[in-house]
C-alpha atoms as a PDB file:
ATOM      1  CA  MET A   1      -0.009   0.000  -0.018  1.00  0.00           C
ATOM      2  CA  GLU A   2       0.907   3.617  -0.467  1.00  0.00           C
ATOM      3  CA  HIS A   3      -0.475   6.373   1.725  1.00  0.00           C
ATOM      4  CA  VAL A   4      -1.015  10.134   1.499  1.00  0.00           C
ATOM      5  CA  ALA A   5      -1.040  12.029   4.795  1.00  0.00           C
ATOM      6  CA  ILE A   6      -2.610  15.467   4.704  1.00  0.00           C
ATOM      7  CA  MET A   7      -1.150  17.758   7.345  1.00  0.00           C
ATOM      8  CA  ARG A   8      -2.502  20.876   9.021  1.00  0.00           C
ATOM      9  CA  LYS A   9      -0.411  23.582   7.355  1.00  0.00           C
ATOM     10  CA  SER A  10      -0.433  25.891  10.387  1.00  0.00           C
ATOM     11  CA  TRP A  11       1.453  23.269  12.446  1.00  0.00           C
ATOM     12  CA  GLU A  12       4.418  23.423  10.011  1.00  0.00           C
ATOM     13  CA  LEU A  13       5.282  19.755  10.491  1.00  0.00           C
ATOM     14  CA  THR A  14       6.129  18.764   6.910  1.00  0.00           C
ATOM     15  CA  GLN A  15       9.397  20.707   6.965  1.00  0.00           C
ATOM     16  CA  LYS A  16      10.289  18.998  10.257  1.00  0.00           C
ATOM     17  CA  ILE A  17       9.908  15.639   8.482  1.00  0.00           C
ATOM     18  CA  LEU A  18      12.347  16.685   5.774  1.00  0.00           C
ATOM     19  CA  VAL A  19      15.033  17.851   8.183  1.00  0.00           C
ATOM     20  CA  GLY A  20      14.646  14.844  10.470  1.00  0.00           C
ATOM     21  CA  GLN A  21      13.128  16.694  13.443  1.00  0.00           C
ATOM     22  CA  LYS A  22       9.914  14.724  13.034  1.00  0.00           C
ATOM     23  CA  LYS A  23      10.548  10.980  12.893  1.00  0.00           C
ATOM     24  CA  ILE A  24       7.028   9.866  13.917  1.00  0.00           C
ATOM     25  CA  GLU A  25       3.659  10.752  12.438  1.00  0.00           C
ATOM     26  CA  SER A  26       0.913  10.350  15.040  1.00  0.00           C
ATOM     27  CA  ARG A  27      -2.784  10.053  14.341  1.00  0.00           C
ATOM     28  CA  TRP A  28      -5.284  10.427  17.200  1.00  0.00           C
ATOM     29  CA  TYR A  29      -8.901   9.267  16.921  1.00  0.00           C
ATOM     30  CA  LYS A  30     -12.059   8.730  18.933  1.00  0.00           C
ATOM     31  CA  ILE A  31     -12.762   5.664  16.767  1.00  0.00           C
ATOM     32  CA  LYS A  32     -10.429   3.704  14.498  1.00  0.00           C
ATOM     33  CA  TYR A  33      -9.991   5.465  11.147  1.00  0.00           C
ATOM     34  CA  ALA A  34      -7.625   4.817   8.235  1.00  0.00           C
ATOM     35  CA  PRO A  35      -4.836   3.899   8.290  1.00  0.00           C
ATOM     36  CA  TRP A  36      -5.640   1.788  11.408  1.00  0.00           C
ATOM     37  CA  ASP A  37      -4.636  -1.834  10.695  1.00  0.00           C
ATOM     38  CA  ARG A  38      -3.847  -0.804   7.107  1.00  0.00           C
ATOM     39  CA  ILE A  39      -0.245   0.387   7.276  1.00  0.00           C
ATOM     40  CA  LYS A  40       2.876  -1.726   7.676  1.00  0.00           C
ATOM     41  CA  SER A  41       6.638  -1.298   7.778  1.00  0.00           C
ATOM     42  CA  GLY A  42       8.202  -0.940   4.366  1.00  0.00           C
ATOM     43  CA  GLU A  43       5.225   0.933   2.907  1.00  0.00           C
ATOM     44  CA  ILE A  44       5.426   4.481   1.539  1.00  0.00           C
ATOM     45  CA  VAL A  45       3.807   7.598   3.016  1.00  0.00           C
ATOM     46  CA  TYR A  46       3.564  10.783   0.949  1.00  0.00           C
ATOM     47  CA  PHE A  47       2.995  14.011   2.854  1.00  0.00           C
ATOM     48  CA  LYS A  48       1.275  17.239   1.866  1.00  0.00           C
ATOM     49  CA  ASP A  49       0.117  20.328   3.672  1.00  0.00           C
ATOM     50  CA  SER A  50      -3.581  21.058   3.274  1.00  0.00           C
ATOM     51  CA  ARG A  51      -4.318  22.952   0.035  1.00  0.00           C
ATOM     52  CA  ASP A  52      -0.742  22.275  -1.203  1.00  0.00           C
ATOM     53  CA  PRO A  53       0.647  19.555  -3.485  1.00  0.00           C
ATOM     54  CA  VAL A  54       2.368  16.409  -2.218  1.00  0.00           C
ATOM     55  CA  THR A  55       6.083  17.213  -1.735  1.00  0.00           C
ATOM     56  CA  ILE A  56       7.569  14.553   0.569  1.00  0.00           C
ATOM     57  CA  LYS A  57       7.984  10.783   0.436  1.00  0.00           C
ATOM     58  CA  THR A  58       9.004   8.606   3.398  1.00  0.00           C
ATOM     59  CA  GLU A  59       9.205   4.939   4.222  1.00  0.00           C
ATOM     60  CA  VAL A  60       7.445   3.376   7.208  1.00  0.00           C
ATOM     61  CA  GLU A  61       9.922   1.883   9.663  1.00  0.00           C
ATOM     62  CA  LYS A  62       7.343   0.533  12.120  1.00  0.00           C
ATOM     63  CA  VAL A  63       3.834   1.196  13.450  1.00  0.00           C
ATOM     64  CA  ILE A  64       2.547   1.141  17.040  1.00  0.00           C
ATOM     65  CA  GLN A  65      -1.198   1.296  17.715  1.00  0.00           C
ATOM     66  CA  PHE A  66      -2.795   2.119  21.074  1.00  0.00           C
ATOM     67  CA  SER A  67      -6.502   1.761  21.832  1.00  0.00           C
ATOM     68  CA  ASP A  68      -8.724   2.177  24.911  1.00  0.00           C
ATOM     69  CA  LEU A  69      -6.784   5.317  25.820  1.00  0.00           C
ATOM     70  CA  THR A  70      -7.360   7.278  28.994  1.00  0.00           C
ATOM     71  CA  PRO A  71      -6.144  10.841  29.581  1.00  0.00           C
ATOM     72  CA  GLU A  72      -3.265   9.380  31.643  1.00  0.00           C
ATOM     73  CA  LYS A  73      -2.202   7.107  28.729  1.00  0.00           C
ATOM     74  CA  VAL A  74      -2.478  10.021  26.284  1.00  0.00           C
ATOM     75  CA  LYS A  75      -0.154  12.080  28.469  1.00  0.00           C
ATOM     76  CA  GLU A  76       2.291   9.183  28.768  1.00  0.00           C
ATOM     77  CA  ILE A  77       2.403   8.711  24.949  1.00  0.00           C
ATOM     78  CA  LEU A  78       2.893  12.446  24.378  1.00  0.00           C
ATOM     79  CA  TYR A  79       5.783  12.711  26.824  1.00  0.00           C
ATOM     80  CA  LYS A  80       7.433   9.510  25.565  1.00  0.00           C
ATOM     81  CA  TYR A  81       7.091  10.144  21.822  1.00  0.00           C
ATOM     82  CA  GLY A  82       6.201  13.848  21.477  1.00  0.00           C
ATOM     83  CA  GLN A  83       9.733  15.052  20.718  1.00  0.00           C
ATOM     84  CA  ALA A  84      10.179  12.510  17.898  1.00  0.00           C
ATOM     85  CA  ASP A  85       6.708  13.502  16.691  1.00  0.00           C
ATOM     86  CA  GLY A  86       7.997  17.014  16.074  1.00  0.00           C
ATOM     87  CA  LEU A  87       6.189  18.551  19.062  1.00  0.00           C
ATOM     88  CA  GLY A  88       8.206  20.903  21.170  1.00  0.00           C
ATOM     89  CA  ILE A  89       8.276  19.746  24.805  1.00  0.00           C
ATOM     90  CA  ASP A  90       6.734  23.113  25.699  1.00  0.00           C
ATOM     91  CA  LYS A  91       3.760  22.397  23.398  1.00  0.00           C
ATOM     92  CA  ILE A  92       2.888  19.005  24.964  1.00  0.00           C
ATOM     93  CA  PRO A  93       0.310  20.467  27.409  1.00  0.00           C
ATOM     94  CA  GLU A  94      -1.415  22.169  24.455  1.00  0.00           C
ATOM     95  CA  PHE A  95      -1.527  18.896  22.485  1.00  0.00           C
ATOM     96  CA  PHE A  96      -2.679  17.027  25.588  1.00  0.00           C
ATOM     97  CA  GLU A  97      -5.730  19.317  25.746  1.00  0.00           C
ATOM     98  CA  MET A  98      -6.498  18.447  22.097  1.00  0.00           C
ATOM     99  CA  PHE A  99      -5.977  14.682  22.444  1.00  0.00           C
ATOM    100  CA  LYS A 100      -6.935  13.876  26.060  1.00  0.00           C
ATOM    101  CA  ASN A 101     -10.349  12.433  25.094  1.00  0.00           C
ATOM    102  CA  LYS A 102      -9.117  10.428  22.117  1.00  0.00           C
ATOM    103  CA  LYS A 103      -9.428   6.645  22.437  1.00  0.00           C
ATOM    104  CA  CYS A 104      -6.956   5.488  19.763  1.00  0.00           C
ATOM    105  CA  CYS A 105      -3.490   6.573  18.686  1.00  0.00           C
ATOM    106  CA  MET A 106      -1.212   5.411  15.880  1.00  0.00           C
ATOM    107  CA  LEU A 107       2.495   6.129  15.841  1.00  0.00           C
ATOM    108  CA  ILE A 108       4.025   5.725  12.391  1.00  0.00           C
ATOM    109  CA  PHE A 109       7.797   5.751  12.542  1.00  0.00           C
ATOM    110  CA  LEU A 110       9.291   7.323   9.432  1.00  0.00           C
ATOM    111  CA  LYS A 111      12.620   6.821   7.696  1.00  0.00           C
ATOM    112  CA  ASN A 112      14.386   8.084   4.587  1.00  0.00           C
ATOM    113  CA  PRO A 113      12.393  11.301   4.079  1.00  0.00           C
ATOM    114  CA  GLN A 114      12.973  12.889   0.715  1.00  0.00           C
ATOM    115  CA  LYS A 115      11.689  15.896  -1.197  1.00  0.00           C
ATOM    116  CA  ILE A 116       9.959  14.847  -4.403  1.00  0.00           C
ATOM    117  CA  LYS A 117       8.646  16.551  -7.506  1.00  0.00           C
ATOM    118  CA  PRO A 118       5.343  18.070  -6.316  1.00  0.00           C
ATOM    119  CA  PHE A 119       2.062  16.583  -7.508  1.00  0.00           C
ATOM    120  CA  GLU A 120      -1.596  17.219  -6.802  1.00  0.00           C
ATOM    121  CA  ILE A 121      -4.048  14.489  -5.772  1.00  0.00           C
ATOM    122  CA  ASP A 122      -7.703  13.928  -6.531  1.00  0.00           C
ATOM    123  CA  LYS A 123      -9.541  13.074  -3.302  1.00  0.00           C
ATOM    124  CA  SER A 124     -12.799  12.171  -5.110  1.00  0.00           C
ATOM    125  CA  GLY A 125     -14.403   9.218  -3.400  1.00  0.00           C
ATOM    126  CA  PHE A 126     -12.331   9.615  -0.226  1.00  0.00           C
ATOM    127  CA  GLY A 127     -14.323  12.443   1.351  1.00  0.00           C
ATOM    128  CA  ALA A 128     -13.386  16.112   1.251  1.00  0.00           C
ATOM    129  CA  MET A 129     -12.254  16.040   4.874  1.00  0.00           C
ATOM    130  CA  SER A 130     -10.021  12.938   4.518  1.00  0.00           C
ATOM    131  CA  ALA A 131      -6.712  13.482   6.265  1.00  0.00           C
ATOM    132  CA  TRP A 132      -5.303  10.086   5.269  1.00  0.00           C
ATOM    133  CA  ILE A 133      -5.707   8.152   2.038  1.00  0.00           C
ATOM    134  CA  SER A 134      -4.508   4.572   1.507  1.00  0.00           C
ATOM    135  CA  VAL A 135      -4.293   3.195  -2.044  1.00  0.00           C
ATOM    136  CA  ASP A 136      -2.522   0.330  -3.783  1.00  0.00           C
ATOM    137  CA  ASP A 137      -0.756   2.825  -6.087  1.00  0.00           C
ATOM    138  CA  VAL A 138      -0.516   6.592  -5.528  1.00  0.00           C
ATOM    139  CA  ASN A 139      -0.598   7.112  -9.302  1.00  0.00           C
ATOM    140  CA  ARG A 140      -4.311   6.228  -9.150  1.00  0.00           C
ATOM    141  CA  ILE A 141      -5.086   9.460  -7.277  1.00  0.00           C
ATOM    142  CA  LYS A 142      -2.643  11.818  -8.979  1.00  0.00           C
ATOM    143  CA  ALA A 143      -4.622  14.700 -10.439  1.00  0.00           C
ATOM    144  CA  ASN A 144      -4.241  15.199 -14.166  1.00  0.00           C
ATOM    145  CA  PRO A 145      -2.079  18.238 -14.965  1.00  0.00           C
END
């Protein structure tokens, strides 16, 4: 599988992936959404900021999934993995407030980030609000120039 992760532009995390400051992509959910149980080591994740083209390609090193989270477990995950997730230690309380009621968390460990020739994607059929798309071949969702 290949995956496209759509990032919140205001958080400025895509650049942190490229320079190696962000080695983990975390996804926090109230219920299990894609890519839960659909992503494995060795697969490819493409990253894009919202409203921008895809510009980064990484490989998945490993995936850890947590479910039945409590606020205490959320805090533990944030303090253990937050730095590698590109969150400044000073921002962890802010992210805790956002994630404290989430029930599921995925940690996707990234390796070999590289800048690629930008391309747009067509999210038709995936939902306008989709923040993660999993496909057998990313070329299937590349928008026509």
